[in-house]
Amino acid sequence: MICQCLEDYATRKGYATPFSIVAKILKEKSKNVDLKTTLMTFINAIINSYHVLEDRVFHRTQLLDDEITDTIASLREWCMNHKIEESFQNLETQFDVFEKEADLDKREIVYKDLDLSDPETLWKFLQDSSKQDGTTAQLADALRHFIIVPSTGEFSKKIWDNVVYAIRIGTSEVRNKIEVDKLRPGLIDDFKEEKKKK
């Protein structure tokens, strides 16, 4: 319900992600440490309320798009000047929670050293695997449909949600019955070796 409200507000205001307004307030030069602590607690509560790993990674990636990492780094410097004050310690605790949970999820989502949360790594792997499988034409056909999805506006998110849902349905049987390394033996290892050579 809270996430839906954030999404609706972001759509009405034209923000990039549901968390953009929260990230924007965090970035502001306001000296209200309690407000910033409340916002970080709010972010952690929402993300960690999801029991499914993919959902947590999805929402955390939205925050990365809102440059949350740079914001936290900047605010940590601010906290360094107020080390003995409890309110600043509380804010740092929330930063620690965010980064620790992100690290735990990242370890879980890394498959054979391939970071499944990194779009660039996934794209390179997809290019190499489609070339090896002889499915580059199908990949290009899919991409031609992807590029007509509007980048902003009311329907953008809905269309992307539908695309992801369709792909999940289309690959559900494979995901349920065959592990990636059994489906494409040695492909990930080949990909890593190729990266080392470059």
C-alpha atoms as a PDB file:
ATOM      1  CA  MET A   1       0.000   0.000   0.000  1.00  0.00           C
ATOM      2  CA  ILE A   2       2.786   2.453   0.940  1.00  0.00           C
ATOM      3  CA  CYS A   3       4.765   1.541  -2.199  1.00  0.00           C
ATOM      4  CA  GLN A   4       1.661   2.025  -4.334  1.00  0.00           C
ATOM      5  CA  CYS A   5       1.153   5.494  -2.851  1.00  0.00           C
ATOM      6  CA  LEU A   6       4.793   6.343  -3.590  1.00  0.00           C
ATOM      7  CA  GLU A   7       4.426   5.060  -7.161  1.00  0.00           C
ATOM      8  CA  ASP A   8       1.226   7.050  -7.726  1.00  0.00           C
ATOM      9  CA  TYR A   9       2.842  10.205  -6.354  1.00  0.00           C
ATOM     10  CA  ALA A  10       5.966   9.696  -8.487  1.00  0.00           C
ATOM     11  CA  THR A  11       3.818   9.248 -11.598  1.00  0.00           C
ATOM     12  CA  ARG A  12       1.815  12.413 -10.893  1.00  0.00           C
ATOM     13  CA  LYS A  13       4.953  14.476 -10.221  1.00  0.00           C
ATOM     14  CA  GLY A  14       7.031  12.946 -13.007  1.00  0.00           C
ATOM     15  CA  TYR A  15       9.711  11.504 -10.713  1.00  0.00           C
ATOM     16  CA  ALA A  16      11.986   8.770 -12.043  1.00  0.00           C
ATOM     17  CA  THR A  17      11.269   6.258  -9.242  1.00  0.00           C
ATOM     18  CA  PRO A  18       8.858   5.910  -6.314  1.00  0.00           C
ATOM     19  CA  PHE A  19      11.743   6.772  -3.963  1.00  0.00           C
ATOM     20  CA  SER A  20      12.821   9.947  -5.797  1.00  0.00           C
ATOM     21  CA  ILE A  21      10.982  12.281  -3.409  1.00  0.00           C
ATOM     22  CA  VAL A  22      12.554  10.568  -0.381  1.00  0.00           C
ATOM     23  CA  ALA A  23      16.013  10.672  -1.979  1.00  0.00           C
ATOM     24  CA  LYS A  24      15.506  14.327  -2.862  1.00  0.00           C
ATOM     25  CA  ILE A  25      14.735  15.262   0.756  1.00  0.00           C
ATOM     26  CA  LEU A  26      17.739  13.255   1.965  1.00  0.00           C
ATOM     27  CA  LYS A  27      19.986  15.193  -0.441  1.00  0.00           C
ATOM     28  CA  GLU A  28      18.744  18.598   0.718  1.00  0.00           C
ATOM     29  CA  LYS A  29      21.149  20.646   2.799  1.00  0.00           C
ATOM     30  CA  SER A  30      18.703  20.734   5.694  1.00  0.00           C
ATOM     31  CA  LYS A  31      20.403  20.184   9.058  1.00  0.00           C
ATOM     32  CA  ASN A  32      17.434  18.213  10.378  1.00  0.00           C
ATOM     33  CA  VAL A  33      19.211  14.995  11.347  1.00  0.00           C
ATOM     34  CA  ASP A  34      16.079  13.467  12.877  1.00  0.00           C
ATOM     35  CA  LEU A  35      14.194  13.869   9.593  1.00  0.00           C
ATOM     36  CA  LYS A  36      17.009  12.203   7.677  1.00  0.00           C
ATOM     37  CA  THR A  37      17.132   9.356  10.208  1.00  0.00           C
ATOM     38  CA  THR A  38      13.373   8.870   9.869  1.00  0.00           C
ATOM     39  CA  LEU A  39      13.659   8.752   6.082  1.00  0.00           C
ATOM     40  CA  MET A  40      16.483   6.181   6.164  1.00  0.00           C
ATOM     41  CA  THR A  41      14.503   4.090   8.683  1.00  0.00           C
ATOM     42  CA  PHE A  42      11.511   4.321   6.331  1.00  0.00           C
ATOM     43  CA  ILE A  43      13.616   3.177   3.358  1.00  0.00           C
ATOM     44  CA  ASN A  44      15.074   0.240   5.297  1.00  0.00           C
ATOM     45  CA  ALA A  45      11.663  -0.785   6.620  1.00  0.00           C
ATOM     46  CA  ILE A  46      10.124  -0.843   3.132  1.00  0.00           C
ATOM     47  CA  ILE A  47      12.939  -2.697   1.391  1.00  0.00           C
ATOM     48  CA  ASN A  48      13.475  -5.261   4.140  1.00  0.00           C
ATOM     49  CA  SER A  49       9.733  -5.945   4.381  1.00  0.00           C
ATOM     50  CA  TYR A  50       9.978  -7.872   1.099  1.00  0.00           C
ATOM     51  CA  HIS A  51      10.627 -11.556   1.658  1.00  0.00           C
ATOM     52  CA  VAL A  52      11.530 -12.214  -1.983  1.00  0.00           C
ATOM     53  CA  LEU A  53      15.143 -11.403  -2.887  1.00  0.00           C
ATOM     54  CA  GLU A  54      14.281 -10.090  -6.364  1.00  0.00           C
ATOM     55  CA  ASP A  55      11.825  -7.566  -4.885  1.00  0.00           C
ATOM     56  CA  ARG A  56      14.408  -6.205  -2.454  1.00  0.00           C
ATOM     57  CA  VAL A  57      17.029  -5.909  -5.205  1.00  0.00           C
ATOM     58  CA  PHE A  58      14.499  -4.265  -7.530  1.00  0.00           C
ATOM     59  CA  HIS A  59      13.597  -1.511  -5.055  1.00  0.00           C
ATOM     60  CA  ARG A  60      17.187  -1.014  -3.930  1.00  0.00           C
ATOM     61  CA  THR A  61      18.194  -0.583  -7.583  1.00  0.00           C
ATOM     62  CA  GLN A  62      15.588   2.168  -7.876  1.00  0.00           C
ATOM     63  CA  LEU A  63      17.316   3.917  -4.984  1.00  0.00           C
ATOM     64  CA  LEU A  64      20.671   3.513  -6.730  1.00  0.00           C
ATOM     65  CA  ASP A  65      19.122   5.284  -9.726  1.00  0.00           C
ATOM     66  CA  ASP A  66      18.295   8.095  -7.286  1.00  0.00           C
ATOM     67  CA  GLU A  67      22.010   8.219  -6.316  1.00  0.00           C
ATOM     68  CA  ILE A  68      21.430   7.001  -2.758  1.00  0.00           C
ATOM     69  CA  THR A  69      25.034   5.758  -2.531  1.00  0.00           C
ATOM     70  CA  ASP A  70      26.462   9.254  -3.125  1.00  0.00           C
ATOM     71  CA  THR A  71      23.926  10.741  -0.717  1.00  0.00           C
ATOM     72  CA  ILE A  72      24.884   8.316   2.045  1.00  0.00           C
ATOM     73  CA  ALA A  73      28.593   8.998   1.483  1.00  0.00           C
ATOM     74  CA  SER A  74      27.986  12.740   1.734  1.00  0.00           C
ATOM     75  CA  LEU A  75      25.850  12.412   4.864  1.00  0.00           C
ATOM     76  CA  ARG A  76      28.418  10.143   6.501  1.00  0.00           C
ATOM     77  CA  GLU A  77      30.946  12.975   6.193  1.00  0.00           C
ATOM     78  CA  TRP A  78      28.465  15.246   7.936  1.00  0.00           C
ATOM     79  CA  CYS A  79      28.036  12.667  10.711  1.00  0.00           C
ATOM     80  CA  MET A  80      31.801  12.486  11.199  1.00  0.00           C
ATOM     81  CA  ASN A  81      31.721  16.037  12.555  1.00  0.00           C
ATOM     82  CA  HIS A  82      29.128  15.060  15.168  1.00  0.00           C
ATOM     83  CA  LYS A  83      30.395  11.660  16.291  1.00  0.00           C
ATOM     84  CA  ILE A  84      29.446  12.009  19.949  1.00  0.00           C
ATOM     85  CA  GLU A  85      25.864  13.105  19.299  1.00  0.00           C
ATOM     86  CA  GLU A  86      23.349  10.288  19.615  1.00  0.00           C
ATOM     87  CA  SER A  87      21.066  11.577  16.861  1.00  0.00           C
ATOM     88  CA  PHE A  88      23.918  11.342  14.342  1.00  0.00           C
ATOM     89  CA  GLN A  89      24.855   7.888  15.614  1.00  0.00           C
ATOM     90  CA  ASN A  90      21.265   6.804  14.956  1.00  0.00           C
ATOM     91  CA  LEU A  91      21.498   8.096  11.395  1.00  0.00           C
ATOM     92  CA  GLU A  92      24.754   6.209  10.829  1.00  0.00           C
ATOM     93  CA  THR A  93      23.120   3.059  12.191  1.00  0.00           C
ATOM     94  CA  GLN A  94      20.470   3.312   9.477  1.00  0.00           C
ATOM     95  CA  PHE A  95      23.184   3.753   6.834  1.00  0.00           C
ATOM     96  CA  ASP A  96      24.892   0.635   8.204  1.00  0.00           C
ATOM     97  CA  VAL A  97      21.636  -1.339   8.017  1.00  0.00           C
ATOM     98  CA  PHE A  98      21.059  -0.270   4.402  1.00  0.00           C
ATOM     99  CA  GLU A  99      24.589  -1.191   3.302  1.00  0.00           C
ATOM    100  CA  LYS A 100      24.750  -4.441   5.267  1.00  0.00           C
ATOM    101  CA  GLU A 101      21.435  -5.717   3.881  1.00  0.00           C
ATOM    102  CA  ALA A 102      22.457  -4.668   0.366  1.00  0.00           C
ATOM    103  CA  ASP A 103      25.715  -6.582   0.737  1.00  0.00           C
ATOM    104  CA  LEU A 104      23.934  -9.714   2.003  1.00  0.00           C
ATOM    105  CA  ASP A 105      21.505  -9.622  -0.909  1.00  0.00           C
ATOM    106  CA  LYS A 106      24.296  -9.022  -3.402  1.00  0.00           C
ATOM    107  CA  ARG A 107      26.131 -12.115  -2.172  1.00  0.00           C
ATOM    108  CA  GLU A 108      22.952 -14.099  -2.628  1.00  0.00           C
ATOM    109  CA  ILE A 109      22.268 -12.778  -6.128  1.00  0.00           C
ATOM    110  CA  VAL A 110      25.783 -13.404  -7.435  1.00  0.00           C
ATOM    111  CA  TYR A 111      25.794 -16.628  -9.436  1.00  0.00           C
ATOM    112  CA  LYS A 112      29.235 -18.042 -10.163  1.00  0.00           C
ATOM    113  CA  ASP A 113      30.753 -14.541  -9.806  1.00  0.00           C
ATOM    114  CA  LEU A 114      28.215 -13.119 -12.272  1.00  0.00           C
ATOM    115  CA  ASP A 115      26.412 -10.201 -10.575  1.00  0.00           C
ATOM    116  CA  LEU A 116      22.760 -10.711 -11.487  1.00  0.00           C
ATOM    117  CA  SER A 117      21.901  -7.206 -10.257  1.00  0.00           C
ATOM    118  CA  ASP A 118      24.306  -5.436 -12.667  1.00  0.00           C
ATOM    119  CA  PRO A 119      22.582  -4.582 -15.991  1.00  0.00           C
ATOM    120  CA  GLU A 120      25.873  -4.096 -17.902  1.00  0.00           C
ATOM    121  CA  THR A 121      27.214  -7.498 -16.860  1.00  0.00           C
ATOM    122  CA  LEU A 122      23.903  -9.159 -17.728  1.00  0.00           C
ATOM    123  CA  TRP A 123      23.778  -7.439 -21.114  1.00  0.00           C
ATOM    124  CA  LYS A 124      27.292  -8.570 -22.033  1.00  0.00           C
ATOM    125  CA  PHE A 125      26.468 -12.114 -20.937  1.00  0.00           C
ATOM    126  CA  LEU A 126      23.235 -12.036 -22.938  1.00  0.00           C
ATOM    127  CA  GLN A 127      25.073 -10.843 -26.051  1.00  0.00           C
ATOM    128  CA  ASP A 128      27.700 -13.575 -25.745  1.00  0.00           C
ATOM    129  CA  SER A 129      25.210 -16.326 -24.965  1.00  0.00           C
ATOM    130  CA  SER A 130      22.858 -15.417 -27.830  1.00  0.00           C
ATOM    131  CA  LYS A 131      25.825 -15.421 -30.224  1.00  0.00           C
ATOM    132  CA  GLN A 132      26.858 -18.860 -28.972  1.00  0.00           C
ATOM    133  CA  ASP A 133      23.296 -20.201 -29.161  1.00  0.00           C
ATOM    134  CA  GLY A 134      22.592 -18.689 -32.576  1.00  0.00           C
ATOM    135  CA  THR A 135      19.722 -16.602 -31.174  1.00  0.00           C
ATOM    136  CA  THR A 136      21.051 -13.099 -31.889  1.00  0.00           C
ATOM    137  CA  ALA A 137      18.192 -12.466 -34.339  1.00  0.00           C
ATOM    138  CA  GLN A 138      15.625 -13.303 -31.645  1.00  0.00           C
ATOM    139  CA  LEU A 139      17.425 -11.051 -29.153  1.00  0.00           C
ATOM    140  CA  ALA A 140      17.441  -8.185 -31.659  1.00  0.00           C
ATOM    141  CA  ASP A 141      13.736  -8.759 -32.371  1.00  0.00           C
ATOM    142  CA  ALA A 142      12.953  -8.536 -28.649  1.00  0.00           C
ATOM    143  CA  LEU A 143      15.044  -5.371 -28.306  1.00  0.00           C
ATOM    144  CA  ARG A 144      13.183  -3.712 -31.180  1.00  0.00           C
ATOM    145  CA  HIS A 145      10.035  -4.066 -29.090  1.00  0.00           C
ATOM    146  CA  PHE A 146      11.782  -2.820 -25.947  1.00  0.00           C
ATOM    147  CA  ILE A 147      12.902   0.461 -27.534  1.00  0.00           C
ATOM    148  CA  ILE A 148       9.327   1.583 -28.234  1.00  0.00           C
ATOM    149  CA  VAL A 149       8.469   1.439 -24.519  1.00  0.00           C
ATOM    150  CA  PRO A 150       8.129   5.078 -23.408  1.00  0.00           C
ATOM    151  CA  SER A 151      10.822   6.144 -20.936  1.00  0.00           C
ATOM    152  CA  THR A 152       8.460   8.389 -18.999  1.00  0.00           C
ATOM    153  CA  GLY A 153       4.762   8.859 -18.516  1.00  0.00           C
ATOM    154  CA  GLU A 154       1.860   7.084 -16.953  1.00  0.00           C
ATOM    155  CA  PHE A 155       2.130   3.844 -18.930  1.00  0.00           C
ATOM    156  CA  SER A 156       5.908   3.374 -18.855  1.00  0.00           C
ATOM    157  CA  LYS A 157       6.075   1.449 -15.579  1.00  0.00           C
ATOM    158  CA  LYS A 158       2.975  -0.608 -16.409  1.00  0.00           C
ATOM    159  CA  ILE A 159       4.416  -1.659 -19.747  1.00  0.00           C
ATOM    160  CA  TRP A 160       7.765  -2.653 -18.184  1.00  0.00           C
ATOM    161  CA  ASP A 161       5.948  -4.579 -15.433  1.00  0.00           C
ATOM    162  CA  ASN A 162       4.008  -6.444 -18.137  1.00  0.00           C
ATOM    163  CA  VAL A 163       7.224  -7.158 -20.074  1.00  0.00           C
ATOM    164  CA  VAL A 164       8.937  -8.587 -16.973  1.00  0.00           C
ATOM    165  CA  TYR A 165       5.838 -10.622 -16.106  1.00  0.00           C
ATOM    166  CA  ALA A 166       5.633 -12.065 -19.637  1.00  0.00           C
ATOM    167  CA  ILE A 167       9.317 -13.035 -19.554  1.00  0.00           C
ATOM    168  CA  ARG A 168       8.921 -14.663 -16.129  1.00  0.00           C
ATOM    169  CA  ILE A 169       5.959 -16.686 -17.416  1.00  0.00           C
ATOM    170  CA  GLY A 170       7.852 -17.579 -20.580  1.00  0.00           C
ATOM    171  CA  THR A 171      10.904 -18.825 -18.680  1.00  0.00           C
ATOM    172  CA  SER A 172       9.140 -20.312 -15.639  1.00  0.00           C
ATOM    173  CA  GLU A 173       9.334 -23.921 -16.826  1.00  0.00           C
ATOM    174  CA  VAL A 174      13.060 -23.649 -17.528  1.00  0.00           C
ATOM    175  CA  ARG A 175      13.732 -21.883 -14.220  1.00  0.00           C
ATOM    176  CA  ASN A 176      11.806 -24.505 -12.306  1.00  0.00           C
ATOM    177  CA  LYS A 177      13.354 -27.554 -13.958  1.00  0.00           C
ATOM    178  CA  ILE A 178      16.860 -26.674 -15.082  1.00  0.00           C
ATOM    179  CA  GLU A 179      19.647 -24.724 -13.413  1.00  0.00           C
ATOM    180  CA  VAL A 180      21.440 -22.116 -15.528  1.00  0.00           C
ATOM    181  CA  ASP A 181      24.700 -24.040 -15.609  1.00  0.00           C
ATOM    182  CA  LYS A 182      22.879 -27.202 -16.752  1.00  0.00           C
ATOM    183  CA  LEU A 183      20.956 -25.291 -19.400  1.00  0.00           C
ATOM    184  CA  ARG A 184      24.123 -23.725 -20.818  1.00  0.00           C
ATOM    185  CA  PRO A 185      27.069 -25.790 -19.551  1.00  0.00           C
ATOM    186  CA  GLY A 186      30.240 -23.782 -19.013  1.00  0.00           C
ATOM    187  CA  LEU A 187      28.828 -20.625 -20.584  1.00  0.00           C
ATOM    188  CA  ILE A 188      29.266 -18.434 -17.505  1.00  0.00           C
ATOM    189  CA  ASP A 189      32.813 -19.734 -17.022  1.00  0.00           C
ATOM    190  CA  ASP A 190      33.580 -18.970 -20.695  1.00  0.00           C
ATOM    191  CA  PHE A 191      32.171 -15.473 -20.235  1.00  0.00           C
ATOM    192  CA  LYS A 192      34.399 -14.816 -17.216  1.00  0.00           C
ATOM    193  CA  GLU A 193      37.479 -16.095 -19.067  1.00  0.00           C
ATOM    194  CA  GLU A 194      36.702 -13.814 -22.006  1.00  0.00           C
ATOM    195  CA  LYS A 195      36.421 -10.821 -19.652  1.00  0.00           C
ATOM    196  CA  LYS A 196      39.838 -11.609 -18.137  1.00  0.00           C
ATOM    197  CA  LYS A 197      41.471 -11.531 -21.594  1.00  0.00           C
ATOM    198  CA  LYS A 198      40.152  -8.007 -22.314  1.00  0.00           C
END
